[in-house]
């Protein structure tokens, strides 16, 4: 059984997820912790719950989701895994971070890459990687089928979808990703997005004005 803790960090109100097992193994997903107090909040929870971080994962590499990569890698001495097609996106952050006011951003180099064929487990639970481009060139999502949990990044929000006007974005591709990868999952799957509150597949299939399935 896995547990999920959400933190909302940085000026973009980005959701950072800490996924952990009963045995204390943990993965940090999309660390957005930029400010010292955010880093301390994350670290305090890890310490208090006696968790052992095994890796850090980016669903995609836009600035708000990678601001804490360097901190987490250095603090916990763990590998950073990203989708291969997001490498250029990650490298570009250093150039434009100051224009958003993030003058203390430190670049982190990935240690490995994620694809739909990457085997990923935490404790005794299997984590499936879903390829869902559109918001960014090689966006992925993490699906824990046994618990019907989907950590979806910036693909699907409650009654909304990820923006597609950034480099490498495509509206048509995003909608296709949602329909073929997300909406084929069980209705009761809970979607934990990169921003805002969680939702369910059933709710978005019916009520999302951008991608609801029409009968």
Protein backbone atom coordinates (compact mmCIF):
# COMPACT_ATOMS: atom_id res chain seq x y z
CA UNK A 1 0.00 0.00 0.00
CA UNK A 2 1.41 3.35 -1.04
CA UNK A 3 0.71 6.71 0.53
CA UNK A 4 0.71 10.06 -1.22
CA UNK A 5 1.57 13.45 0.26
CA UNK A 6 1.10 16.65 -1.70
CA UNK A 7 2.98 19.90 -1.17
CA UNK A 8 2.14 23.11 -3.03
CA UNK A 9 5.30 25.05 -3.80
CA UNK A 10 6.72 28.13 -5.55
CA UNK A 11 5.08 31.10 -7.22
CA UNK A 12 3.24 28.86 -9.71
CA UNK A 13 1.41 26.95 -6.93
CA UNK A 14 2.86 23.70 -8.27
CA UNK A 15 2.00 20.35 -6.69
CA UNK A 16 5.00 18.32 -5.57
CA UNK A 17 4.20 14.71 -4.71
CA UNK A 18 5.87 12.39 -2.24
CA UNK A 19 4.91 8.78 -2.88
CA UNK A 20 5.96 6.36 -0.15
CA UNK A 21 5.52 2.77 1.01
CA UNK A 22 4.72 1.37 4.43
CA UNK A 23 8.37 0.30 4.67
CA UNK A 24 9.49 3.91 4.25
CA UNK A 25 10.81 3.92 0.69
CA UNK A 26 9.84 7.10 -1.14
CA UNK A 27 9.93 8.83 -4.53
CA UNK A 28 9.71 12.59 -4.98
CA UNK A 29 7.78 13.62 -8.08
CA UNK A 30 8.14 17.08 -9.64
CA UNK A 31 9.98 18.85 -6.80
CA UNK A 32 9.01 22.50 -7.04
CA UNK A 33 10.58 23.51 -3.73
CA UNK A 34 12.55 26.66 -4.52
CA UNK A 35 12.38 28.74 -1.36
CA UNK A 36 14.20 27.70 1.80
CA UNK A 37 10.98 27.33 3.79
CA UNK A 38 9.61 25.01 1.10
CA UNK A 39 12.73 22.88 1.18
CA UNK A 40 12.52 22.74 4.97
CA UNK A 41 8.83 21.72 4.83
CA UNK A 42 9.60 18.83 2.52
CA UNK A 43 12.64 17.73 4.51
CA UNK A 44 10.78 17.90 7.81
CA UNK A 45 8.06 15.58 6.55
CA UNK A 46 10.63 13.12 5.24
CA UNK A 47 12.50 13.15 8.56
CA UNK A 48 9.40 12.92 10.74
CA UNK A 49 8.12 9.92 8.78
CA UNK A 50 11.54 8.27 8.62
CA UNK A 51 11.42 7.99 4.85
CA UNK A 52 14.26 6.91 2.58
CA UNK A 53 14.23 8.74 -0.76
CA UNK A 54 15.19 6.42 -3.61
CA UNK A 55 14.83 8.72 -6.62
CA UNK A 56 13.36 11.93 -7.93
CA UNK A 57 11.19 11.98 -11.04
CA UNK A 58 10.02 14.74 -13.37
CA UNK A 59 6.79 14.15 -15.29
CA UNK A 60 8.01 16.94 -17.55
CA UNK A 61 10.59 19.68 -17.26
CA UNK A 62 8.89 23.07 -17.22
CA UNK A 63 10.41 25.43 -14.68
CA UNK A 64 7.77 25.10 -11.95
CA UNK A 65 8.25 21.33 -11.78
CA UNK A 66 12.06 21.28 -11.61
CA UNK A 67 12.98 24.13 -9.28
CA UNK A 68 13.77 21.67 -6.49
CA UNK A 69 15.64 19.07 -8.53
CA UNK A 70 19.07 20.20 -7.43
CA UNK A 71 18.11 20.48 -3.77
CA UNK A 72 16.61 17.01 -3.65
CA UNK A 73 19.48 15.38 -5.56
CA UNK A 74 22.10 16.95 -3.31
CA UNK A 75 20.23 16.51 -0.03
CA UNK A 76 19.33 12.85 -0.52
CA UNK A 77 22.01 11.73 -3.00
CA UNK A 78 19.50 10.14 -5.35
CA UNK A 79 19.21 9.87 -9.15
CA UNK A 80 17.05 12.21 -11.20
CA UNK A 81 14.92 10.51 -13.87
CA UNK A 82 13.21 12.44 -16.66
CA UNK A 83 11.56 11.61 -19.99
CA UNK A 84 14.30 11.59 -22.65
CA UNK A 85 12.46 14.04 -24.87
CA UNK A 86 12.34 16.59 -22.04
CA UNK A 87 16.11 17.01 -21.79
CA UNK A 88 16.24 20.14 -23.95
CA UNK A 89 13.32 21.58 -21.97
CA UNK A 90 15.22 21.01 -18.72
CA UNK A 91 18.44 22.54 -20.06
CA UNK A 92 16.60 25.67 -21.17
CA UNK A 93 15.37 26.48 -17.64
CA UNK A 94 18.74 27.91 -16.59
CA UNK A 95 18.53 30.54 -19.33
CA UNK A 96 15.07 31.85 -18.55
CA UNK A 97 14.71 31.26 -14.79
CA UNK A 98 15.99 34.76 -13.88
CA UNK A 99 13.28 36.36 -16.03
CA UNK A 100 10.72 34.73 -13.71
CA UNK A 101 12.55 35.95 -10.62
CA UNK A 102 14.26 32.65 -9.81
CA UNK A 103 17.80 34.01 -9.64
CA UNK A 104 19.05 31.21 -7.37
CA UNK A 105 18.01 28.35 -9.61
CA UNK A 106 20.61 25.59 -9.75
CA UNK A 107 20.68 23.23 -12.70
CA UNK A 108 20.46 19.49 -12.07
CA UNK A 109 21.67 16.92 -14.58
CA UNK A 110 19.45 13.86 -15.18
CA UNK A 111 20.86 10.46 -14.30
CA UNK A 112 18.45 8.38 -16.36
CA UNK A 113 15.42 8.46 -18.60
CA UNK A 114 11.82 7.31 -18.44
CA UNK A 115 9.79 5.63 -21.16
CA UNK A 116 6.64 3.53 -21.14
CA UNK A 117 8.91 0.49 -20.93
CA UNK A 118 10.81 1.65 -17.83
CA UNK A 119 10.20 -0.80 -14.96
CA UNK A 120 9.37 1.15 -11.82
CA UNK A 121 8.34 -0.17 -8.42
CA UNK A 122 7.99 1.21 -4.93
CA UNK A 123 7.73 -1.28 -2.13
CA UNK A 124 5.67 -4.11 -3.61
CA UNK A 125 3.67 -1.84 -5.92
CA UNK A 126 4.26 -1.50 -9.65
CA UNK A 127 4.16 1.99 -11.15
CA UNK A 128 3.27 2.23 -14.84
CA UNK A 129 4.73 5.03 -16.94
CA UNK A 130 2.27 6.53 -19.44
CA UNK A 131 3.49 8.62 -22.36
CA UNK A 132 1.18 11.63 -22.61
CA UNK A 133 2.76 14.39 -24.72
CA UNK A 134 0.98 17.58 -25.72
CA UNK A 135 1.56 19.97 -22.85
CA UNK A 136 5.27 19.37 -23.36
CA UNK A 137 7.20 17.26 -25.88
CA UNK A 138 7.62 14.03 -23.90
CA UNK A 139 5.39 14.38 -20.83
CA UNK A 140 4.77 11.22 -18.79
CA UNK A 141 2.34 10.28 -16.03
CA UNK A 142 2.64 7.72 -13.23
CA UNK A 143 -0.18 5.21 -12.76
CA UNK A 144 -0.53 2.89 -9.77
CA UNK A 145 -3.20 0.49 -11.01
CA UNK A 146 -3.57 -1.42 -7.74
CA UNK A 147 -4.67 1.77 -5.97
CA UNK A 148 -6.23 3.58 -8.93
CA UNK A 149 -3.93 6.57 -8.48
CA UNK A 150 -2.73 8.67 -11.42
CA UNK A 151 -0.07 11.34 -10.93
CA UNK A 152 -0.74 13.26 -14.09
CA UNK A 153 1.48 16.34 -14.15
CA UNK A 154 0.06 19.13 -16.31
CA UNK A 155 -1.99 17.02 -18.69
CA UNK A 156 -5.45 17.07 -17.11
CA UNK A 157 -6.86 19.34 -14.42
CA UNK A 158 -10.26 19.55 -12.79
CA UNK A 159 -12.44 20.94 -15.60
CA UNK A 160 -9.33 22.06 -17.50
CA UNK A 161 -6.26 20.86 -19.40
CA UNK A 162 -2.60 21.83 -19.64
CA UNK A 163 -1.63 24.79 -21.79
CA UNK A 164 -0.19 23.99 -25.20
CA UNK A 165 1.28 27.33 -26.29
CA UNK A 166 4.78 26.66 -24.93
CA UNK A 167 7.58 25.25 -27.13
CA UNK A 168 6.89 21.63 -27.99
CA UNK A 169 3.22 21.88 -27.06
CA UNK A 170 0.37 20.65 -29.24
CA UNK A 171 -3.33 20.93 -28.46
CA UNK A 172 -4.31 18.07 -30.76
CA UNK A 173 -1.63 15.83 -29.27
CA UNK A 174 -2.69 16.68 -25.73
CA UNK A 175 -6.34 15.83 -26.39
CA UNK A 176 -5.27 12.57 -28.01
CA UNK A 177 -3.13 11.73 -24.96
CA UNK A 178 -6.06 12.38 -22.64
CA UNK A 179 -8.51 10.33 -24.67
CA UNK A 180 -6.24 7.36 -25.40
CA UNK A 181 -4.20 7.14 -22.19
CA UNK A 182 -6.22 8.75 -19.38
CA UNK A 183 -9.83 8.18 -20.42
CA UNK A 184 -9.20 4.49 -21.05
CA UNK A 185 -8.40 4.02 -17.36
CA UNK A 186 -11.14 2.99 -14.89
CA UNK A 187 -13.63 5.75 -14.06
CA UNK A 188 -12.79 5.66 -10.37
CA UNK A 189 -9.10 6.48 -10.89
CA UNK A 190 -8.15 9.59 -8.94
CA UNK A 191 -6.06 12.08 -10.90
CA UNK A 192 -3.50 14.09 -8.94
CA UNK A 193 -2.54 17.03 -11.17
CA UNK A 194 0.44 19.36 -11.25
CA UNK A 195 -1.73 22.25 -10.08
CA UNK A 196 -5.00 22.44 -8.17
CA UNK A 197 -7.14 19.79 -6.55
CA UNK A 198 -7.46 16.14 -7.49
CA UNK A 199 -10.27 14.89 -9.67
CA UNK A 200 -11.45 11.59 -11.16
CA UNK A 201 -11.45 10.13 -14.64
CA UNK A 202 -15.25 9.77 -14.52
CA UNK A 203 -15.77 13.41 -13.62
CA UNK A 204 -13.53 14.74 -16.37
CA UNK A 205 -14.99 12.44 -19.01
CA UNK A 206 -18.37 13.96 -18.24
CA UNK A 207 -17.74 17.57 -17.25
CA UNK A 208 -14.40 18.78 -18.62
CA UNK A 209 -15.28 21.46 -21.22
CA UNK A 210 -12.07 20.86 -23.18
CA UNK A 211 -12.00 17.09 -23.52
CA UNK A 212 -15.21 15.50 -22.20
CA UNK A 213 -16.47 12.53 -24.18
CA UNK A 214 -19.62 13.38 -26.10
CA UNK A 215 -22.28 10.72 -26.45
